[in-house]
Amino acid sequence: MNGRQISILTICAVGVGSSLMLKANARELLDRHKISAKITNSDMTTAKANETDIVITTPDIYSSIKGIKAKKIILLDNMVSKKELEEKLVPACKELLEK
């Protein structure tokens, strides 16, 4: 879009299953929308030490990591829904890129 790269952190309890799937889905989605992003997956404990543009997780995980330094928090009701991810992630990225 404008050459700026957004940093995204996907978080699940252990940092391997759901967060890795979210990372792959976000990568596919952002590539399709031609949005440049560095996407990292993490567990809850490690995530708290990070600062990022966007965090993607579920409400129950977020309740354990409140206070994480992020410009945008995306909470997914259904982690496997690519439609929900697209509806929430693309507008968030575009808004950050416009600033």
Protein backbone atom coordinates (compact mmCIF):
# COMPACT_ATOMS: atom_id res chain seq x y z
CA MET A 1 0.00 0.00 0.00
CA ASN A 2 2.35 2.75 1.14
CA GLY A 3 5.57 0.86 1.76
CA ARG A 4 5.22 0.82 5.55
CA GLN A 5 5.29 -2.59 7.18
CA ILE A 6 2.85 -3.34 9.98
CA SER A 7 3.87 -5.60 12.86
CA ILE A 8 1.29 -8.19 13.90
CA LEU A 9 1.38 -10.60 16.82
CA THR A 10 -0.92 -13.64 16.90
CA ILE A 11 -1.35 -15.09 20.38
CA CYS A 12 -2.68 -18.33 21.81
CA ALA A 13 -2.14 -20.06 25.16
CA VAL A 14 0.90 -22.14 24.20
CA GLY A 15 2.06 -20.28 21.09
CA VAL A 16 2.04 -23.16 18.65
CA GLY A 17 -1.38 -24.31 17.46
CA SER A 18 -3.94 -21.56 17.07
CA SER A 19 -1.46 -18.69 16.87
CA LEU A 20 0.47 -20.45 14.09
CA MET A 21 -2.76 -21.08 12.15
CA LEU A 22 -3.76 -17.42 12.65
CA LYS A 23 -0.35 -16.31 11.43
CA ALA A 24 -0.73 -18.38 8.24
CA ASN A 25 -4.28 -17.14 7.63
CA ALA A 26 -3.28 -13.51 8.23
CA ARG A 27 -0.30 -13.87 5.86
CA GLU A 28 -2.51 -15.29 3.09
CA LEU A 29 -5.10 -12.56 3.61
CA LEU A 30 -2.66 -9.65 3.72
CA ASP A 31 -0.75 -10.91 0.69
CA ARG A 32 -4.04 -10.96 -1.22
CA HIS A 33 -4.72 -7.35 -0.14
CA LYS A 34 -1.10 -6.34 -0.86
CA ILE A 35 -0.50 -5.20 2.72
CA SER A 36 3.06 -5.58 3.98
CA ALA A 37 3.31 -7.04 7.48
CA LYS A 38 5.73 -8.82 9.76
CA ILE A 39 3.63 -11.47 11.50
CA THR A 40 4.86 -13.30 14.59
CA ASN A 41 3.08 -15.92 16.67
CA SER A 42 3.47 -16.15 20.43
CA ASP A 43 2.29 -17.68 23.66
CA MET A 44 0.62 -15.56 26.37
CA THR A 45 3.66 -15.21 28.63
CA THR A 46 6.10 -14.17 25.90
CA ALA A 47 3.52 -11.89 24.27
CA LYS A 48 3.45 -9.51 27.23
CA ALA A 49 7.05 -8.50 26.53
CA ASN A 50 6.29 -7.45 22.95
CA GLU A 51 5.28 -4.14 21.45
CA THR A 52 3.42 -4.38 18.16
CA ASP A 53 1.01 -2.58 15.87
CA ILE A 54 -1.73 -5.23 15.98
CA VAL A 55 -2.51 -8.13 18.32
CA ILE A 56 -4.83 -10.89 17.11
CA THR A 57 -6.25 -13.28 19.71
CA THR A 58 -9.46 -14.38 21.43
CA PRO A 59 -11.28 -12.58 24.27
CA ASP A 60 -10.31 -15.24 26.83
CA ILE A 61 -6.60 -15.02 25.93
CA TYR A 62 -6.74 -11.21 25.88
CA SER A 63 -8.12 -11.14 29.42
CA SER A 64 -4.81 -12.74 30.50
CA ILE A 65 -2.57 -10.32 28.57
CA LYS A 66 -4.32 -6.97 29.10
CA GLY A 67 -1.81 -4.15 29.07
CA ILE A 68 0.15 -5.51 26.11
CA LYS A 69 1.57 -2.62 24.06
CA ALA A 70 -0.35 -2.58 20.77
CA LYS A 71 -2.02 0.10 18.66
CA LYS A 72 -4.92 -2.23 17.76
CA ILE A 73 -6.35 -5.31 19.43
CA ILE A 74 -8.36 -7.70 17.26
CA LEU A 75 -10.46 -10.17 19.22
CA LEU A 76 -11.81 -13.10 17.25
CA ASP A 77 -14.89 -15.01 18.32
CA ASN A 78 -13.97 -17.81 15.90
CA MET A 79 -10.22 -18.30 15.40
CA VAL A 80 -10.71 -20.47 12.32
CA SER A 81 -13.00 -18.02 10.50
CA LYS A 82 -11.06 -16.43 7.66
CA LYS A 83 -14.09 -14.23 6.99
CA GLU A 84 -14.07 -12.77 10.52
CA LEU A 85 -10.30 -12.30 10.35
CA GLU A 86 -10.59 -10.44 7.05
CA GLU A 87 -13.46 -8.26 8.30
CA LYS A 88 -11.43 -7.15 11.31
CA LEU A 89 -7.80 -7.23 10.15
CA VAL A 90 -7.94 -5.47 6.77
CA PRO A 91 -9.68 -2.31 8.07
CA ALA A 92 -7.32 -2.18 11.07
CA CYS A 93 -4.26 -2.38 8.78
CA LYS A 94 -5.62 0.24 6.40
CA GLU A 95 -6.35 2.59 9.29
CA LEU A 96 -2.79 2.24 10.64
CA LEU A 97 -1.31 2.76 7.19
CA GLU A 98 -3.29 5.98 6.71
CA LYS A 99 -1.75 7.55 9.81
